[in-house]
Amino acid sequence: MGKNGEKNAKMKLKEAEKKVKSAEKDIAKGEKEVEKAQQKVDKINEKWGIRPMMRNLMRKKKINYLPF
């Protein structure tokens, strides 16, 4: 492999590292969003319980059965 091949390999490695870093940021962002959504669900469950929430989802056609 000549100098050009080594340069290309290094460039590809740097690009891959950048992609990995951005993917890790996206994952962290997604985890935060999931955590927020879970907190909302917990708050609803605290107030109403699971049955009304499921009925509401059925009414909005998100699910078509009650899992209990």
PDB file of N, CA and C in Angstrom:
ATOM      1  N   MET A   1       0.851  -1.184   0.000  1.00  0.00           N
ATOM      2  CA  MET A   1       0.000   0.000   0.000  1.00  0.00           C
ATOM      3  C   MET A   1       0.894   1.244   0.000  1.00  0.00           C
ATOM      4  N   GLY A   2       0.654   2.150  -0.908  1.00  0.00           N
ATOM      5  CA  GLY A   2       1.461   3.356  -1.012  1.00  0.00           C
ATOM      6  C   GLY A   2       0.980   4.439  -0.060  1.00  0.00           C
ATOM      7  N   LYS A   3       1.544   5.622  -0.216  1.00  0.00           N
ATOM      8  CA  LYS A   3       1.166   6.737   0.663  1.00  0.00           C
ATOM      9  C   LYS A   3      -0.294   7.116   0.484  1.00  0.00           C
ATOM     10  N   ASN A   4      -0.763   7.102  -0.770  1.00  0.00           N
ATOM     11  CA  ASN A   4      -2.170   7.452  -1.019  1.00  0.00           C
ATOM     12  C   ASN A   4      -3.113   6.482  -0.320  1.00  0.00           C
ATOM     13  N   GLY A   5      -2.783   5.203  -0.370  1.00  0.00           N
ATOM     14  CA  GLY A   5      -3.622   4.200   0.281  1.00  0.00           C
ATOM     15  C   GLY A   5      -3.694   4.424   1.780  1.00  0.00           C
ATOM     16  N   GLU A   6      -2.554   4.765   2.379  1.00  0.00           N
ATOM     17  CA  GLU A   6      -2.522   5.035   3.822  1.00  0.00           C
ATOM     18  C   GLU A   6      -3.334   6.274   4.150  1.00  0.00           C
ATOM     19  N   LYS A   7      -3.214   7.327   3.337  1.00  0.00           N
ATOM     20  CA  LYS A   7      -3.985   8.549   3.568  1.00  0.00           C
ATOM     21  C   LYS A   7      -5.475   8.261   3.492  1.00  0.00           C
ATOM     22  N   ASN A   8      -5.857   7.512   2.452  1.00  0.00           N
ATOM     23  CA  ASN A   8      -7.274   7.168   2.297  1.00  0.00           C
ATOM     24  C   ASN A   8      -7.779   6.388   3.503  1.00  0.00           C
ATOM     25  N   ALA A   9      -6.972   5.443   3.965  1.00  0.00           N
ATOM     26  CA  ALA A   9      -7.384   4.625   5.107  1.00  0.00           C
ATOM     27  C   ALA A   9      -7.542   5.497   6.349  1.00  0.00           C
ATOM     28  N   LYS A  10      -6.601   6.429   6.554  1.00  0.00           N
ATOM     29  CA  LYS A  10      -6.686   7.322   7.723  1.00  0.00           C
ATOM     30  C   LYS A  10      -7.907   8.213   7.631  1.00  0.00           C
ATOM     31  N   MET A  11      -8.193   8.726   6.437  1.00  0.00           N
ATOM     32  CA  MET A  11      -9.357   9.587   6.246  1.00  0.00           C
ATOM     33  C   MET A  11     -10.643   8.810   6.539  1.00  0.00           C
ATOM     34  N   LYS A  12     -10.717   7.595   6.028  1.00  0.00           N
ATOM     35  CA  LYS A  12     -11.909   6.769   6.270  1.00  0.00           C
ATOM     36  C   LYS A  12     -12.062   6.467   7.749  1.00  0.00           C
ATOM     37  N   LEU A  13     -10.950   6.235   8.433  1.00  0.00           N
ATOM     38  CA  LEU A  13     -10.984   5.964   9.868  1.00  0.00           C
ATOM     39  C   LEU A  13     -11.513   7.181  10.618  1.00  0.00           C
ATOM     40  N   LYS A  14     -11.027   8.367  10.256  1.00  0.00           N
ATOM     41  CA  LYS A  14     -11.494   9.595  10.910  1.00  0.00           C
ATOM     42  C   LYS A  14     -12.987   9.799  10.667  1.00  0.00           C
ATOM     43  N   GLU A  15     -13.430   9.580   9.426  1.00  0.00           N
ATOM     44  CA  GLU A  15     -14.849   9.729   9.107  1.00  0.00           C
ATOM     45  C   GLU A  15     -15.689   8.748   9.916  1.00  0.00           C
ATOM     46  N   ALA A  16     -15.206   7.522  10.036  1.00  0.00           N
ATOM     47  CA  ALA A  16     -15.932   6.508  10.801  1.00  0.00           C
ATOM     48  C   ALA A  16     -16.019   6.903  12.268  1.00  0.00           C
ATOM     49  N   GLU A  17     -14.914   7.445  12.808  1.00  0.00           N
ATOM     50  CA  GLU A  17     -14.923   7.881  14.208  1.00  0.00           C
ATOM     51  C   GLU A  17     -15.925   9.007  14.423  1.00  0.00           C
ATOM     52  N   LYS A  18     -16.008   9.933  13.465  1.00  0.00           N
ATOM     53  CA  LYS A  18     -16.986  11.023  13.560  1.00  0.00           C
ATOM     54  C   LYS A  18     -18.400  10.462  13.562  1.00  0.00           C
ATOM     55  N   LYS A  19     -18.658   9.491  12.685  1.00  0.00           N
ATOM     56  CA  LYS A  19     -19.993   8.885  12.615  1.00  0.00           C
ATOM     57  C   LYS A  19     -20.334   8.184  13.920  1.00  0.00           C
ATOM     58  N   VAL A  20     -19.349   7.513  14.514  1.00  0.00           N
ATOM     59  CA  VAL A  20     -19.583   6.821  15.788  1.00  0.00           C
ATOM     60  C   VAL A  20     -19.932   7.832  16.874  1.00  0.00           C
ATOM     61  N   LYS A  21     -19.192   8.936  16.914  1.00  0.00           N
ATOM     62  CA  LYS A  21     -19.463   9.961  17.923  1.00  0.00           C
ATOM     63  C   LYS A  21     -20.859  10.539  17.759  1.00  0.00           C
ATOM     64  N   SER A  22     -21.253  10.843  16.516  1.00  0.00           N
ATOM     65  CA  SER A  22     -22.576  11.414  16.291  1.00  0.00           C
ATOM     66  C   SER A  22     -23.667  10.388  16.633  1.00  0.00           C
ATOM     67  N   ALA A  23     -23.403   9.130  16.336  1.00  0.00           N
ATOM     68  CA  ALA A  23     -24.378   8.090  16.679  1.00  0.00           C
ATOM     69  C   ALA A  23     -24.522   7.976  18.195  1.00  0.00           C
ATOM     70  N   GLU A  24     -23.406   8.077  18.917  1.00  0.00           N
ATOM     71  CA  GLU A  24     -23.471   8.013  20.377  1.00  0.00           C
ATOM     72  C   GLU A  24     -24.276   9.183  20.928  1.00  0.00           C
ATOM     73  N   LYS A  25     -24.101  10.375  20.325  1.00  0.00           N
ATOM     74  CA  LYS A  25     -24.883  11.534  20.755  1.00  0.00           C
ATOM     75  C   LYS A  25     -26.365  11.290  20.508  1.00  0.00           C
ATOM     76  N   ASP A  26     -26.700  10.747  19.330  1.00  0.00           N
ATOM     77  CA  ASP A  26     -28.099  10.468  18.996  1.00  0.00           C
ATOM     78  C   ASP A  26     -28.697   9.472  19.974  1.00  0.00           C
ATOM     79  N   ILE A  27     -27.919   8.454  20.349  1.00  0.00           N
ATOM     80  CA  ILE A  27     -28.397   7.447  21.297  1.00  0.00           C
ATOM     81  C   ILE A  27     -28.673   8.096  22.649  1.00  0.00           C
ATOM     82  N   ALA A  28     -27.756   8.951  23.099  1.00  0.00           N
ATOM     83  CA  ALA A  28     -27.950   9.630  24.386  1.00  0.00           C
ATOM     84  C   ALA A  28     -29.200  10.501  24.344  1.00  0.00           C
ATOM     85  N   LYS A  29     -29.397  11.198  23.219  1.00  0.00           N
ATOM     86  CA  LYS A  29     -30.579  12.041  23.051  1.00  0.00           C
ATOM     87  C   LYS A  29     -31.847  11.191  23.112  1.00  0.00           C
ATOM     88  N   GLY A  30     -31.837  10.059  22.408  1.00  0.00           N
ATOM     89  CA  GLY A  30     -32.982   9.154  22.410  1.00  0.00           C
ATOM     90  C   GLY A  30     -33.279   8.619  23.794  1.00  0.00           C
ATOM     91  N   GLU A  31     -32.226   8.285  24.548  1.00  0.00           N
ATOM     92  CA  GLU A  31     -32.423   7.775  25.903  1.00  0.00           C
ATOM     93  C   GLU A  31     -33.084   8.835  26.785  1.00  0.00           C
ATOM     94  N   LYS A  32     -32.680  10.103  26.616  1.00  0.00           N
ATOM     95  CA  LYS A  32     -33.297  11.179  27.388  1.00  0.00           C
ATOM     96  C   LYS A  32     -34.770  11.305  27.045  1.00  0.00           C
ATOM     97  N   GLU A  33     -35.101  11.210  25.740  1.00  0.00           N
ATOM     98  CA  GLU A  33     -36.500  11.305  25.319  1.00  0.00           C
ATOM     99  C   GLU A  33     -37.319  10.157  25.887  1.00  0.00           C
ATOM    100  N   VAL A  34     -36.735   8.955  25.885  1.00  0.00           N
ATOM    101  CA  VAL A  34     -37.424   7.790  26.436  1.00  0.00           C
ATOM    102  C   VAL A  34     -37.672   7.997  27.927  1.00  0.00           C
ATOM    103  N   GLU A  35     -36.682   8.547  28.606  1.00  0.00           N
ATOM    104  CA  GLU A  35     -36.819   8.794  30.041  1.00  0.00           C
ATOM    105  C   GLU A  35     -37.949   9.785  30.314  1.00  0.00           C
ATOM    106  N   LYS A  36     -38.018  10.854  29.511  1.00  0.00           N
ATOM    107  CA  LYS A  36     -39.088  11.843  29.675  1.00  0.00           C
ATOM    108  C   LYS A  36     -40.449  11.197  29.443  1.00  0.00           C
ATOM    109  N   ALA A  37     -40.548  10.393  28.384  1.00  0.00           N
ATOM    110  CA  ALA A  37     -41.814   9.728  28.084  1.00  0.00           C
ATOM    111  C   ALA A  37     -42.201   8.787  29.220  1.00  0.00           C
ATOM    112  N   GLN A  38     -41.221   8.074  29.769  1.00  0.00           N
ATOM    113  CA  GLN A  38     -41.501   7.157  30.874  1.00  0.00           C
ATOM    114  C   GLN A  38     -42.008   7.921  32.094  1.00  0.00           C
ATOM    115  N   GLN A  39     -41.432   9.098  32.340  1.00  0.00           N
ATOM    116  CA  GLN A  39     -41.895   9.915  33.461  1.00  0.00           C
ATOM    117  C   GLN A  39     -43.341  10.337  33.251  1.00  0.00           C
ATOM    118  N   LYS A  40     -43.687  10.710  32.015  1.00  0.00           N
ATOM    119  CA  LYS A  40     -45.071  11.081  31.718  1.00  0.00           C
ATOM    120  C   LYS A  40     -46.002   9.897  31.983  1.00  0.00           C
ATOM    121  N   VAL A  41     -45.605   8.722  31.508  1.00  0.00           N
ATOM    122  CA  VAL A  41     -46.420   7.519  31.700  1.00  0.00           C
ATOM    123  C   VAL A  41     -46.578   7.232  33.187  1.00  0.00           C
ATOM    124  N   ASP A  42     -45.489   7.351  33.937  1.00  0.00           N
ATOM    125  CA  ASP A  42     -45.557   7.108  35.373  1.00  0.00           C
ATOM    126  C   ASP A  42     -46.512   8.082  36.050  1.00  0.00           C
ATOM    127  N   LYS A  43     -46.464   9.339  35.626  1.00  0.00           N
ATOM    128  CA  LYS A  43     -47.339  10.351  36.208  1.00  0.00           C
ATOM    129  C   LYS A  43     -48.808  10.006  35.931  1.00  0.00           C
ATOM    130  N   ILE A  44     -49.093   9.592  34.687  1.00  0.00           N
ATOM    131  CA  ILE A  44     -50.462   9.207  34.319  1.00  0.00           C
ATOM    132  C   ILE A  44     -50.897   7.988  35.129  1.00  0.00           C
ATOM    133  N   ASN A  45     -50.002   7.001  35.228  1.00  0.00           N
ATOM    134  CA  ASN A  45     -50.328   5.796  35.981  1.00  0.00           C
ATOM    135  C   ASN A  45     -50.610   6.112  37.439  1.00  0.00           C
ATOM    136  N   GLU A  46     -49.834   7.024  37.994  1.00  0.00           N
ATOM    137  CA  GLU A  46     -50.043   7.419  39.387  1.00  0.00           C
ATOM    138  C   GLU A  46     -51.443   7.986  39.571  1.00  0.00           C
ATOM    139  N   LYS A  47     -51.858   8.798  38.594  1.00  0.00           N
ATOM    140  CA  LYS A  47     -53.143   9.484  38.714  1.00  0.00           C
ATOM    141  C   LYS A  47     -54.316   8.567  38.389  1.00  0.00           C
ATOM    142  N   TRP A  48     -54.217   7.817  37.290  1.00  0.00           N
ATOM    143  CA  TRP A  48     -55.376   7.098  36.783  1.00  0.00           C
ATOM    144  C   TRP A  48     -55.243   5.578  36.792  1.00  0.00           C
ATOM    145  N   GLY A  49     -54.044   5.071  36.685  1.00  0.00           N
ATOM    146  CA  GLY A  49     -53.891   3.626  36.523  1.00  0.00           C
ATOM    147  C   GLY A  49     -53.789   3.270  35.060  1.00  0.00           C
ATOM    148  N   ILE A  50     -53.574   2.009  34.775  1.00  0.00           N
ATOM    149  CA  ILE A  50     -53.262   1.597  33.400  1.00  0.00           C
ATOM    150  C   ILE A  50     -54.518   1.417  32.540  1.00  0.00           C
ATOM    151  N   ARG A  51     -55.628   0.964  33.117  1.00  0.00           N
ATOM    152  CA  ARG A  51     -56.816   0.647  32.317  1.00  0.00           C
ATOM    153  C   ARG A  51     -57.348   1.834  31.505  1.00  0.00           C
ATOM    154  N   PRO A  52     -57.557   2.999  32.122  1.00  0.00           N
ATOM    155  CA  PRO A  52     -58.080   4.114  31.319  1.00  0.00           C
ATOM    156  C   PRO A  52     -57.134   4.517  30.192  1.00  0.00           C
ATOM    157  N   MET A  53     -55.837   4.409  30.453  1.00  0.00           N
ATOM    158  CA  MET A  53     -54.866   4.758  29.423  1.00  0.00           C
ATOM    159  C   MET A  53     -55.001   3.790  28.248  1.00  0.00           C
ATOM    160  N   MET A  54     -55.142   2.508  28.527  1.00  0.00           N
ATOM    161  CA  MET A  54     -55.296   1.511  27.467  1.00  0.00           C
ATOM    162  C   MET A  54     -56.602   1.741  26.693  1.00  0.00           C
ATOM    163  N   ARG A  55     -57.671   2.044  27.426  1.00  0.00           N
ATOM    164  CA  ARG A  55     -58.944   2.305  26.759  1.00  0.00           C
ATOM    165  C   ARG A  55     -58.815   3.500  25.824  1.00  0.00           C
ATOM    166  N   ASN A  56     -58.094   4.509  26.301  1.00  0.00           N
ATOM    167  CA  ASN A  56     -57.876   5.704  25.494  1.00  0.00           C
ATOM    168  C   ASN A  56     -57.107   5.351  24.225  1.00  0.00           C
ATOM    169  N   LEU A  57     -56.093   4.510  24.351  1.00  0.00           N
ATOM    170  CA  LEU A  57     -55.320   4.096  23.178  1.00  0.00           C
ATOM    171  C   LEU A  57     -56.208   3.311  22.212  1.00  0.00           C
ATOM    172  N   MET A  58     -57.107   2.476  22.756  1.00  0.00           N
ATOM    173  CA  MET A  58     -58.030   1.729  21.901  1.00  0.00           C
ATOM    174  C   MET A  58     -58.926   2.696  21.139  1.00  0.00           C
ATOM    175  N   ARG A  59     -59.402   3.692  21.850  1.00  0.00           N
ATOM    176  CA  ARG A  59     -60.303   4.658  21.230  1.00  0.00           C
ATOM    177  C   ARG A  59     -59.593   5.401  20.100  1.00  0.00           C
ATOM    178  N   LYS A  60     -58.316   5.702  20.297  1.00  0.00           N
ATOM    179  CA  LYS A  60     -57.549   6.424  19.277  1.00  0.00           C
ATOM    180  C   LYS A  60     -56.997   5.488  18.205  1.00  0.00           C
ATOM    181  N   LYS A  61     -57.359   4.202  18.280  1.00  0.00           N
ATOM    182  CA  LYS A  61     -56.957   3.190  17.294  1.00  0.00           C
ATOM    183  C   LYS A  61     -55.446   2.934  17.264  1.00  0.00           C
ATOM    184  N   LYS A  62     -54.752   3.197  18.390  1.00  0.00           N
ATOM    185  CA  LYS A  62     -53.323   2.892  18.454  1.00  0.00           C
ATOM    186  C   LYS A  62     -53.138   1.396  18.701  1.00  0.00           C
ATOM    187  N   ILE A  63     -54.022   0.821  19.519  1.00  0.00           N
ATOM    188  CA  ILE A  63     -54.004  -0.625  19.751  1.00  0.00           C
ATOM    189  C   ILE A  63     -55.424  -1.120  19.562  1.00  0.00           C
ATOM    190  N   ASN A  64     -55.581  -2.403  19.271  1.00  0.00           N
ATOM    191  CA  ASN A  64     -56.940  -2.900  19.024  1.00  0.00           C
ATOM    192  C   ASN A  64     -57.338  -3.996  20.003  1.00  0.00           C
ATOM    193  N   TYR A  65     -56.675  -4.072  21.149  1.00  0.00           N
ATOM    194  CA  TYR A  65     -57.064  -5.058  22.161  1.00  0.00           C
ATOM    195  C   TYR A  65     -56.590  -4.578  23.520  1.00  0.00           C
ATOM    196  N   LEU A  66     -57.203  -5.093  24.546  1.00  0.00           N
ATOM    197  CA  LEU A  66     -56.727  -4.832  25.904  1.00  0.00           C
ATOM    198  C   LEU A  66     -55.863  -6.018  26.335  1.00  0.00           C
ATOM    199  N   PRO A  67     -54.636  -5.770  26.740  1.00  0.00           N
ATOM    200  CA  PRO A  67     -53.727  -6.881  27.054  1.00  0.00           C
ATOM    201  C   PRO A  67     -53.947  -7.493  28.433  1.00  0.00           C
ATOM    202  N   PHE A  68     -55.146  -7.323  29.004  1.00  0.00           N
ATOM    203  CA  PHE A  68     -55.436  -7.976  30.289  1.00  0.00           C
ATOM    204  C   PHE A  68     -56.893  -8.313  30.367  1.00  0.00           C
TER     205      PHE A  68
END
